[in-house]
Amino acid sequence: MTTSSSERGVSLGMPELPAPEYPDDVRARLEADAREVIARYPDSRSALLPLLHLVQSEEGHVTRTGMRFCADMLGLTTAEVTAVATFYTMYRRRPSGDYQVGVCTNTLCAVMGGDAIFEELQEHLGVGNGETTDDGKVTLEHIECNAACDYAPVVMVNWEFFDNQTPASAKRLVDDLRAGRAVTPTRGAPLCTFKETARILAGFPDEREGAVEAGGSAGPASLVGLKLAKGESAPARVVHPRGAASAGAPPHEPSPAEHLSSHDAPQDTSASDPAHPAGPTAEEGE
């Protein structure tokens, strides 16, 4: 006896229809922008990444119509465009919010509180990873390293930095975004919507007043090695671990041979510290 596909729980479905075209006025505008981008490259297919940002700036995510447009403009197959659009996480494949709120949960940010921030934001917003609030304002996601470890834990909104966050400050941040109140990144350009950010990433100038002049840089901890290599004295001071310094003692100026941070200083391990004994060692497989 044979079993039909429906009885096996397999739905063959109907073939997917071709992606619809953009309206004529939208396509004409995008074509003009696309030609400007393509002209920057000796090989047109090299323009695929910025063109994906361009179509993302139109609808807030990369649609099948956007991928078909990129393929037409560059002489590629839609399969080639899809392979790229699905590889890079900065390209959204479904509708998303005006503000992409990314919480770094990589190693340092996680141990400094990133995991707690992400968990509290999920509960506060009522969304999971990669999901968008009902008002369409905020899409929440956990992201890998922001390359801002000396400001950990870090939250990014549309790729702009909000440093040294706590669960409370992160919740205020998303509440302000949803309420339309102005928020200012810790460093970098003023905040704009995700669609506007996508157009800037496509290579078009940011014409907002003060946006280009706004700056930001690595923090002091990241620059210590560079300063020492240049023969400059290190600005950091030793932080005495666990209250070791006597009250009122003047700050200690480290020599180049000393530790610049108590994080590097020798510490008692749990095995040698009776007040912090190690737990039982689990057998392999437990």
C-alpha atoms as a PDB file:
ATOM      1  CA  MET A   1       0.000   0.000   0.000  1.00  0.00           C
ATOM      2  CA  THR A   2       1.361   3.421  -0.920  1.00  0.00           C
ATOM      3  CA  THR A   3       1.050   6.511   1.271  1.00  0.00           C
ATOM      4  CA  SER A   4       0.253   9.893  -0.216  1.00  0.00           C
ATOM      5  CA  SER A   5       2.450  12.874   0.505  1.00  0.00           C
ATOM      6  CA  SER A   6      -0.358  14.518   2.452  1.00  0.00           C
ATOM      7  CA  GLU A   7      -0.698  11.457   4.669  1.00  0.00           C
ATOM      8  CA  ARG A   8       3.048  11.603   5.371  1.00  0.00           C
ATOM      9  CA  GLY A   9       2.702  15.235   6.478  1.00  0.00           C
ATOM     10  CA  VAL A  10       4.587  16.556   3.452  1.00  0.00           C
ATOM     11  CA  SER A  11       3.103  19.562   1.677  1.00  0.00           C
ATOM     12  CA  LEU A  12       4.287  19.886  -1.889  1.00  0.00           C
ATOM     13  CA  GLY A  13       2.603  23.287  -2.231  1.00  0.00           C
ATOM     14  CA  MET A  14       2.566  25.507  -5.279  1.00  0.00           C
ATOM     15  CA  PRO A  15       5.658  26.906  -6.998  1.00  0.00           C
ATOM     16  CA  GLU A  16       6.616  30.331  -5.665  1.00  0.00           C
ATOM     17  CA  LEU A  17       5.558  33.081  -8.024  1.00  0.00           C
ATOM     18  CA  PRO A  18       8.161  35.528  -9.357  1.00  0.00           C
ATOM     19  CA  ALA A  19       8.829  38.492  -7.092  1.00  0.00           C
ATOM     20  CA  PRO A  20       6.660  41.498  -7.933  1.00  0.00           C
ATOM     21  CA  GLU A  21       8.242  44.578  -9.451  1.00  0.00           C
ATOM     22  CA  TYR A  22       8.677  47.881  -7.683  1.00  0.00           C
ATOM     23  CA  PRO A  23       6.196  50.574  -8.737  1.00  0.00           C
ATOM     24  CA  ASP A  24       7.514  52.505 -11.748  1.00  0.00           C
ATOM     25  CA  ASP A  25       8.403  55.643  -9.790  1.00  0.00           C
ATOM     26  CA  VAL A  26      10.216  53.692  -7.084  1.00  0.00           C
ATOM     27  CA  ARG A  27      12.147  51.615  -9.604  1.00  0.00           C
ATOM     28  CA  ALA A  28      13.202  54.709 -11.566  1.00  0.00           C
ATOM     29  CA  ARG A  29      14.521  56.330  -8.382  1.00  0.00           C
ATOM     30  CA  LEU A  30      16.336  53.174  -7.258  1.00  0.00           C
ATOM     31  CA  GLU A  31      17.828  52.635 -10.712  1.00  0.00           C
ATOM     32  CA  ALA A  32      19.346  56.116 -10.651  1.00  0.00           C
ATOM     33  CA  ASP A  33      20.839  55.458  -7.217  1.00  0.00           C
ATOM     34  CA  ALA A  34      22.018  51.998  -8.232  1.00  0.00           C
ATOM     35  CA  ARG A  35      23.838  53.299 -11.315  1.00  0.00           C
ATOM     36  CA  GLU A  36      25.647  55.811  -9.112  1.00  0.00           C
ATOM     37  CA  VAL A  37      26.781  53.004  -6.821  1.00  0.00           C
ATOM     38  CA  ILE A  38      27.763  50.625  -9.630  1.00  0.00           C
ATOM     39  CA  ALA A  39      29.890  53.314 -11.279  1.00  0.00           C
ATOM     40  CA  ARG A  40      32.246  53.217  -8.299  1.00  0.00           C
ATOM     41  CA  TYR A  41      33.371  49.676  -9.065  1.00  0.00           C
ATOM     42  CA  PRO A  42      35.452  48.291 -11.958  1.00  0.00           C
ATOM     43  CA  ASP A  43      33.431  45.071 -11.784  1.00  0.00           C
ATOM     44  CA  SER A  44      29.723  45.689 -11.406  1.00  0.00           C
ATOM     45  CA  ARG A  45      29.082  42.593  -9.305  1.00  0.00           C
ATOM     46  CA  SER A  46      31.294  44.129  -6.596  1.00  0.00           C
ATOM     47  CA  ALA A  47      28.449  46.584  -5.982  1.00  0.00           C
ATOM     48  CA  LEU A  48      26.132  43.884  -4.638  1.00  0.00           C
ATOM     49  CA  LEU A  49      26.661  44.627  -0.937  1.00  0.00           C
ATOM     50  CA  PRO A  50      25.866  48.347  -1.170  1.00  0.00           C
ATOM     51  CA  LEU A  51      22.939  47.634  -3.494  1.00  0.00           C
ATOM     52  CA  LEU A  52      21.464  45.309  -0.869  1.00  0.00           C
ATOM     53  CA  HIS A  53      21.733  48.149   1.635  1.00  0.00           C
ATOM     54  CA  LEU A  54      20.045  50.400  -0.926  1.00  0.00           C
ATOM     55  CA  VAL A  55      17.002  48.158  -1.350  1.00  0.00           C
ATOM     56  CA  GLN A  56      16.913  47.637   2.423  1.00  0.00           C
ATOM     57  CA  SER A  57      16.641  51.413   2.819  1.00  0.00           C
ATOM     58  CA  GLU A  58      13.477  51.305   0.710  1.00  0.00           C
ATOM     59  CA  GLU A  59      11.435  48.782   2.675  1.00  0.00           C
ATOM     60  CA  GLY A  60      13.361  48.260   5.894  1.00  0.00           C
ATOM     61  CA  HIS A  61      14.414  44.749   4.937  1.00  0.00           C
ATOM     62  CA  VAL A  62      15.647  42.889   1.870  1.00  0.00           C
ATOM     63  CA  THR A  63      12.583  41.617   0.048  1.00  0.00           C
ATOM     64  CA  ARG A  64      12.352  39.226  -2.886  1.00  0.00           C
ATOM     65  CA  THR A  65      11.581  42.272  -5.010  1.00  0.00           C
ATOM     66  CA  GLY A  66      14.762  43.948  -3.768  1.00  0.00           C
ATOM     67  CA  MET A  67      16.859  40.876  -4.555  1.00  0.00           C
ATOM     68  CA  ARG A  68      15.342  40.643  -8.035  1.00  0.00           C
ATOM     69  CA  PHE A  69      16.175  44.316  -8.575  1.00  0.00           C
ATOM     70  CA  CYS A  70      19.816  43.751  -7.536  1.00  0.00           C
ATOM     71  CA  ALA A  71      20.066  40.747  -9.834  1.00  0.00           C
ATOM     72  CA  ASP A  72      18.664  42.716 -12.794  1.00  0.00           C
ATOM     73  CA  MET A  73      21.008  45.656 -12.225  1.00  0.00           C
ATOM     74  CA  LEU A  74      24.140  43.516 -11.880  1.00  0.00           C
ATOM     75  CA  GLY A  75      23.446  40.731 -14.359  1.00  0.00           C
ATOM     76  CA  LEU A  76      23.336  38.090 -11.595  1.00  0.00           C
ATOM     77  CA  THR A  77      20.900  35.314 -10.849  1.00  0.00           C
ATOM     78  CA  THR A  78      18.509  35.714  -7.963  1.00  0.00           C
ATOM     79  CA  ALA A  79      20.157  32.646  -6.431  1.00  0.00           C
ATOM     80  CA  GLU A  80      23.508  34.452  -6.355  1.00  0.00           C
ATOM     81  CA  VAL A  81      21.941  37.501  -4.736  1.00  0.00           C
ATOM     82  CA  THR A  82      20.026  35.391  -2.228  1.00  0.00           C
ATOM     83  CA  ALA A  83      23.202  33.561  -1.219  1.00  0.00           C
ATOM     84  CA  VAL A  84      24.810  36.874  -0.245  1.00  0.00           C
ATOM     85  CA  ALA A  85      21.707  38.397   1.376  1.00  0.00           C
ATOM     86  CA  THR A  86      21.252  35.371   3.616  1.00  0.00           C
ATOM     87  CA  PHE A  87      24.926  35.186   4.607  1.00  0.00           C
ATOM     88  CA  TYR A  88      25.353  38.632   6.176  1.00  0.00           C
ATOM     89  CA  THR A  89      23.333  39.376   9.298  1.00  0.00           C
ATOM     90  CA  MET A  90      23.089  43.112   8.604  1.00  0.00           C
ATOM     91  CA  TYR A  91      20.578  42.316   5.857  1.00  0.00           C
ATOM     92  CA  ARG A  92      17.144  41.725   7.352  1.00  0.00           C
ATOM     93  CA  ARG A  93      14.971  39.150   5.647  1.00  0.00           C
ATOM     94  CA  ARG A  94      11.683  40.114   7.266  1.00  0.00           C
ATOM     95  CA  PRO A  95      10.030  43.371   8.348  1.00  0.00           C
ATOM     96  CA  SER A  96      11.844  44.976  11.246  1.00  0.00           C
ATOM     97  CA  GLY A  97      11.611  48.020  13.453  1.00  0.00           C
ATOM     98  CA  ASP A  98      12.695  51.599  12.998  1.00  0.00           C
ATOM     99  CA  TYR A  99      15.379  50.923  15.590  1.00  0.00           C
ATOM    100  CA  GLN A 100      17.504  47.783  15.631  1.00  0.00           C
ATOM    101  CA  VAL A 101      18.539  47.336  19.263  1.00  0.00           C
ATOM    102  CA  GLY A 102      21.442  44.931  19.494  1.00  0.00           C
ATOM    103  CA  VAL A 103      22.767  43.742  22.842  1.00  0.00           C
ATOM    104  CA  CYS A 104      26.296  42.362  22.793  1.00  0.00           C
ATOM    105  CA  THR A 105      26.351  38.958  24.484  1.00  0.00           C
ATOM    106  CA  ASN A 106      29.890  38.046  23.556  1.00  0.00           C
ATOM    107  CA  THR A 107      32.327  37.117  26.292  1.00  0.00           C
ATOM    108  CA  LEU A 108      33.277  40.383  27.987  1.00  0.00           C
ATOM    109  CA  CYS A 109      29.955  42.164  27.555  1.00  0.00           C
ATOM    110  CA  ALA A 110      28.176  39.026  28.762  1.00  0.00           C
ATOM    111  CA  VAL A 111      30.117  38.744  32.004  1.00  0.00           C
ATOM    112  CA  MET A 112      29.826  42.504  32.572  1.00  0.00           C
ATOM    113  CA  GLY A 113      26.037  42.300  32.348  1.00  0.00           C
ATOM    114  CA  GLY A 114      25.097  41.911  28.686  1.00  0.00           C
ATOM    115  CA  ASP A 115      23.222  38.659  29.280  1.00  0.00           C
ATOM    116  CA  ALA A 116      21.171  40.289  32.053  1.00  0.00           C
ATOM    117  CA  ILE A 117      20.403  43.291  29.830  1.00  0.00           C
ATOM    118  CA  PHE A 118      19.235  41.059  26.981  1.00  0.00           C
ATOM    119  CA  GLU A 119      17.023  38.939  29.237  1.00  0.00           C
ATOM    120  CA  GLU A 120      15.414  41.980  30.867  1.00  0.00           C
ATOM    121  CA  LEU A 121      14.803  43.687  27.526  1.00  0.00           C
ATOM    122  CA  GLN A 122      13.084  40.582  26.184  1.00  0.00           C
ATOM    123  CA  GLU A 123      10.729  40.590  29.159  1.00  0.00           C
ATOM    124  CA  HIS A 124      10.285  44.371  29.134  1.00  0.00           C
ATOM    125  CA  LEU A 125       9.467  44.534  25.404  1.00  0.00           C
ATOM    126  CA  GLY A 126       7.607  41.228  25.207  1.00  0.00           C
ATOM    127  CA  VAL A 127       9.671  39.995  22.259  1.00  0.00           C
ATOM    128  CA  GLY A 128      12.270  37.335  21.601  1.00  0.00           C
ATOM    129  CA  ASN A 129      15.521  37.456  19.708  1.00  0.00           C
ATOM    130  CA  GLY A 130      15.046  38.981  16.253  1.00  0.00           C
ATOM    131  CA  GLU A 131      11.439  39.967  16.978  1.00  0.00           C
ATOM    132  CA  THR A 132       9.820  43.389  16.679  1.00  0.00           C
ATOM    133  CA  THR A 133       7.496  45.190  19.067  1.00  0.00           C
ATOM    134  CA  ASP A 134       3.860  45.538  18.047  1.00  0.00           C
ATOM    135  CA  ASP A 135       4.261  49.250  17.338  1.00  0.00           C
ATOM    136  CA  GLY A 136       7.007  48.519  14.798  1.00  0.00           C
ATOM    137  CA  LYS A 137       9.515  50.677  16.644  1.00  0.00           C
ATOM    138  CA  VAL A 138      12.095  48.271  18.087  1.00  0.00           C
ATOM    139  CA  THR A 139      13.616  45.039  16.870  1.00  0.00           C
ATOM    140  CA  LEU A 140      15.651  43.307  19.576  1.00  0.00           C
ATOM    141  CA  GLU A 141      18.541  40.960  18.922  1.00  0.00           C
ATOM    142  CA  HIS A 142      21.645  39.679  20.610  1.00  0.00           C
ATOM    143  CA  ILE A 143      24.772  40.322  18.590  1.00  0.00           C
ATOM    144  CA  GLU A 144      28.378  39.269  18.639  1.00  0.00           C
ATOM    145  CA  CYS A 145      31.317  41.493  19.504  1.00  0.00           C
ATOM    146  CA  ASN A 146      30.825  45.223  18.892  1.00  0.00           C
ATOM    147  CA  ALA A 147      34.599  45.821  19.119  1.00  0.00           C
ATOM    148  CA  ALA A 148      33.945  48.094  22.092  1.00  0.00           C
ATOM    149  CA  CYS A 149      35.028  45.853  24.942  1.00  0.00           C
ATOM    150  CA  ASP A 150      36.446  48.685  27.055  1.00  0.00           C
ATOM    151  CA  TYR A 151      32.937  50.127  27.275  1.00  0.00           C
ATOM    152  CA  ALA A 152      31.223  46.842  28.164  1.00  0.00           C
ATOM    153  CA  PRO A 153      28.386  46.107  28.335  1.00  0.00           C
ATOM    154  CA  VAL A 154      27.468  47.780  25.056  1.00  0.00           C
ATOM    155  CA  VAL A 155      24.109  48.166  23.314  1.00  0.00           C
ATOM    156  CA  MET A 156      23.904  49.345  19.712  1.00  0.00           C
ATOM    157  CA  VAL A 157      20.958  51.087  18.087  1.00  0.00           C
ATOM    158  CA  ASN A 158      21.150  51.111  14.297  1.00  0.00           C
ATOM    159  CA  TRP A 159      24.914  50.493  14.710  1.00  0.00           C
ATOM    160  CA  GLU A 160      25.480  53.504  16.974  1.00  0.00           C
ATOM    161  CA  PHE A 161      27.077  52.924  20.378  1.00  0.00           C
ATOM    162  CA  PHE A 162      25.388  53.155  23.764  1.00  0.00           C
ATOM    163  CA  ASP A 163      28.181  52.285  26.167  1.00  0.00           C
ATOM    164  CA  ASN A 164      28.409  51.100  29.789  1.00  0.00           C
ATOM    165  CA  GLN A 165      24.776  50.041  29.909  1.00  0.00           C
ATOM    166  CA  THR A 166      22.770  48.503  32.721  1.00  0.00           C
ATOM    167  CA  PRO A 167      19.390  46.763  32.574  1.00  0.00           C
ATOM    168  CA  ALA A 168      17.761  49.950  33.895  1.00  0.00           C
ATOM    169  CA  SER A 169      19.459  52.290  31.403  1.00  0.00           C
ATOM    170  CA  ALA A 170      18.743  49.910  28.511  1.00  0.00           C
ATOM    171  CA  LYS A 171      15.055  49.824  29.412  1.00  0.00           C
ATOM    172  CA  ARG A 172      14.948  53.616  29.543  1.00  0.00           C
ATOM    173  CA  LEU A 173      16.621  53.678  26.142  1.00  0.00           C
ATOM    174  CA  VAL A 174      14.042  51.480  24.424  1.00  0.00           C
ATOM    175  CA  ASP A 175      11.190  53.302  26.174  1.00  0.00           C
ATOM    176  CA  ASP A 176      12.508  56.607  24.817  1.00  0.00           C
ATOM    177  CA  LEU A 177      12.825  55.134  21.327  1.00  0.00           C
ATOM    178  CA  ARG A 178       9.258  53.873  21.376  1.00  0.00           C
ATOM    179  CA  ALA A 179       7.935  57.175  22.725  1.00  0.00           C
ATOM    180  CA  GLY A 180       9.725  59.200  20.042  1.00  0.00           C
ATOM    181  CA  ARG A 181      11.949  60.998  22.530  1.00  0.00           C
ATOM    182  CA  ALA A 182      15.396  62.065  21.357  1.00  0.00           C
ATOM    183  CA  VAL A 183      18.246  59.802  22.415  1.00  0.00           C
ATOM    184  CA  THR A 184      21.928  60.534  21.949  1.00  0.00           C
ATOM    185  CA  PRO A 185      24.524  57.815  21.329  1.00  0.00           C
ATOM    186  CA  THR A 186      27.530  57.738  23.633  1.00  0.00           C
ATOM    187  CA  ARG A 187      29.762  58.495  20.661  1.00  0.00           C
ATOM    188  CA  GLY A 188      29.444  58.641  16.920  1.00  0.00           C
ATOM    189  CA  ALA A 189      26.822  60.222  14.703  1.00  0.00           C
ATOM    190  CA  PRO A 190      23.351  61.242  15.888  1.00  0.00           C
ATOM    191  CA  LEU A 191      20.789  58.476  15.759  1.00  0.00           C
ATOM    192  CA  CYS A 192      18.595  57.994  12.683  1.00  0.00           C
ATOM    193  CA  THR A 193      16.104  55.343  11.580  1.00  0.00           C
ATOM    194  CA  PHE A 194      17.158  51.967  10.272  1.00  0.00           C
ATOM    195  CA  LYS A 195      16.110  52.868   6.717  1.00  0.00           C
ATOM    196  CA  GLU A 196      18.221  56.022   6.865  1.00  0.00           C
ATOM    197  CA  THR A 197      21.132  54.036   8.246  1.00  0.00           C
ATOM    198  CA  ALA A 198      20.827  51.529   5.393  1.00  0.00           C
ATOM    199  CA  ARG A 199      21.048  54.315   2.816  1.00  0.00           C
ATOM    200  CA  ILE A 200      24.200  55.670   4.449  1.00  0.00           C
ATOM    201  CA  LEU A 201      25.691  52.162   4.400  1.00  0.00           C
ATOM    202  CA  ALA A 202      24.870  51.990   0.696  1.00  0.00           C
ATOM    203  CA  GLY A 203      27.423  54.774   0.270  1.00  0.00           C
ATOM    204  CA  PHE A 204      25.324  57.903   0.133  1.00  0.00           C
ATOM    205  CA  PRO A 205      26.379  60.949   2.172  1.00  0.00           C
ATOM    206  CA  ASP A 206      24.893  61.610   5.577  1.00  0.00           C
ATOM    207  CA  GLU A 207      23.617  65.150   5.067  1.00  0.00           C
ATOM    208  CA  ARG A 208      22.294  65.690   8.585  1.00  0.00           C
ATOM    209  CA  GLU A 209      23.809  68.661  10.360  1.00  0.00           C
ATOM    210  CA  GLY A 210      26.715  67.645  12.572  1.00  0.00           C
ATOM    211  CA  ALA A 211      26.584  63.975  11.599  1.00  0.00           C
ATOM    212  CA  VAL A 212      29.909  63.871   9.771  1.00  0.00           C
ATOM    213  CA  GLU A 213      31.720  65.905  12.413  1.00  0.00           C
ATOM    214  CA  ALA A 214      30.516  63.659  15.245  1.00  0.00           C
ATOM    215  CA  GLY A 215      33.184  61.254  16.322  1.00  0.00           C
ATOM    216  CA  GLY A 216      34.124  58.503  18.692  1.00  0.00           C
ATOM    217  CA  SER A 217      37.168  56.446  19.353  1.00  0.00           C
ATOM    218  CA  ALA A 218      38.562  53.551  21.293  1.00  0.00           C
ATOM    219  CA  GLY A 219      38.595  53.931  25.050  1.00  0.00           C
ATOM    220  CA  PRO A 220      41.656  54.413  27.274  1.00  0.00           C
ATOM    221  CA  ALA A 221      42.036  50.704  28.017  1.00  0.00           C
ATOM    222  CA  SER A 222      42.327  49.920  24.301  1.00  0.00           C
ATOM    223  CA  LEU A 223      44.937  52.618  23.764  1.00  0.00           C
ATOM    224  CA  VAL A 224      47.323  51.785  26.630  1.00  0.00           C
ATOM    225  CA  GLY A 225      49.447  49.458  24.502  1.00  0.00           C
ATOM    226  CA  LEU A 226      49.678  52.021  21.715  1.00  0.00           C
ATOM    227  CA  LYS A 227      50.745  54.735  24.151  1.00  0.00           C
ATOM    228  CA  LEU A 228      53.433  52.518  25.662  1.00  0.00           C
ATOM    229  CA  ALA A 229      54.699  51.594  22.195  1.00  0.00           C
ATOM    230  CA  LYS A 230      55.064  55.298  21.444  1.00  0.00           C
ATOM    231  CA  GLY A 231      57.032  55.826  24.655  1.00  0.00           C
ATOM    232  CA  GLU A 232      54.226  57.667  26.381  1.00  0.00           C
ATOM    233  CA  SER A 233      53.460  57.070  30.043  1.00  0.00           C
ATOM    234  CA  ALA A 234      50.403  54.995  30.736  1.00  0.00           C
ATOM    235  CA  PRO A 235      47.461  57.042  32.014  1.00  0.00           C
ATOM    236  CA  ALA A 236      45.965  54.140  33.955  1.00  0.00           C
ATOM    237  CA  ARG A 237      46.509  53.570  37.661  1.00  0.00           C
ATOM    238  CA  VAL A 238      46.544  50.310  39.550  1.00  0.00           C
ATOM    239  CA  VAL A 239      43.198  49.605  41.161  1.00  0.00           C
ATOM    240  CA  HIS A 240      43.898  47.752  44.388  1.00  0.00           C
ATOM    241  CA  PRO A 241      41.947  44.501  44.455  1.00  0.00           C
ATOM    242  CA  ARG A 242      39.422  43.636  47.142  1.00  0.00           C
ATOM    243  CA  GLY A 243      40.000  46.713  49.280  1.00  0.00           C
ATOM    244  CA  ALA A 244      43.705  46.042  49.735  1.00  0.00           C
ATOM    245  CA  ALA A 245      44.613  49.744  49.760  1.00  0.00           C
ATOM    246  CA  SER A 246      44.313  51.513  53.089  1.00  0.00           C
ATOM    247  CA  ALA A 247      41.662  54.188  53.384  1.00  0.00           C
ATOM    248  CA  GLY A 248      42.903  57.607  52.371  1.00  0.00           C
ATOM    249  CA  ALA A 249      46.098  56.282  50.795  1.00  0.00           C
ATOM    250  CA  PRO A 250      47.270  58.300  47.797  1.00  0.00           C
ATOM    251  CA  PRO A 251      46.821  56.679  44.391  1.00  0.00           C
ATOM    252  CA  HIS A 252      49.730  54.584  43.266  1.00  0.00           C
ATOM    253  CA  GLU A 253      51.473  55.535  40.027  1.00  0.00           C
ATOM    254  CA  PRO A 254      52.453  52.298  38.245  1.00  0.00           C
ATOM    255  CA  SER A 255      55.774  51.696  36.600  1.00  0.00           C
ATOM    256  CA  PRO A 256      55.825  50.154  33.102  1.00  0.00           C
ATOM    257  CA  ALA A 257      56.628  46.797  34.674  1.00  0.00           C
ATOM    258  CA  GLU A 258      53.595  46.824  36.967  1.00  0.00           C
ATOM    259  CA  HIS A 259      50.103  45.601  36.202  1.00  0.00           C
ATOM    260  CA  LEU A 260      47.879  48.352  34.857  1.00  0.00           C
ATOM    261  CA  SER A 261      44.749  46.764  36.176  1.00  0.00           C
ATOM    262  CA  SER A 262      43.804  44.584  39.085  1.00  0.00           C
ATOM    263  CA  HIS A 263      42.143  42.273  36.558  1.00  0.00           C
ATOM    264  CA  ASP A 264      45.675  41.107  35.674  1.00  0.00           C
ATOM    265  CA  ALA A 265      47.002  40.992  39.226  1.00  0.00           C
ATOM    266  CA  PRO A 266      47.543  37.602  40.921  1.00  0.00           C
ATOM    267  CA  GLN A 267      44.474  36.498  42.815  1.00  0.00           C
ATOM    268  CA  ASP A 268      43.802  33.636  45.193  1.00  0.00           C
ATOM    269  CA  THR A 269      42.131  30.825  43.343  1.00  0.00           C
ATOM    270  CA  SER A 270      39.108  28.994  44.666  1.00  0.00           C
ATOM    271  CA  ALA A 271      41.269  25.956  45.356  1.00  0.00           C
ATOM    272  CA  SER A 272      43.616  27.891  47.665  1.00  0.00           C
ATOM    273  CA  ASP A 273      41.063  30.197  49.261  1.00  0.00           C
ATOM    274  CA  PRO A 274      39.201  28.468  52.110  1.00  0.00           C
ATOM    275  CA  ALA A 275      36.459  31.104  51.906  1.00  0.00           C
ATOM    276  CA  HIS A 276      35.770  30.216  48.269  1.00  0.00           C
ATOM    277  CA  PRO A 277      36.208  26.453  47.925  1.00  0.00           C
ATOM    278  CA  ALA A 278      35.836  24.782  44.612  1.00  0.00           C
ATOM    279  CA  GLY A 279      32.777  22.623  44.115  1.00  0.00           C
ATOM    280  CA  PRO A 280      32.897  18.900  43.439  1.00  0.00           C
ATOM    281  CA  THR A 281      34.484  17.918  40.173  1.00  0.00           C
ATOM    282  CA  ALA A 282      32.001  16.298  37.806  1.00  0.00           C
ATOM    283  CA  GLU A 283      32.938  13.072  36.125  1.00  0.00           C
ATOM    284  CA  GLU A 284      33.126  13.039  32.335  1.00  0.00           C
ATOM    285  CA  GLY A 285      29.677  12.691  30.844  1.00  0.00           C
ATOM    286  CA  GLU A 286      27.829  14.090  33.861  1.00  0.00           C
END
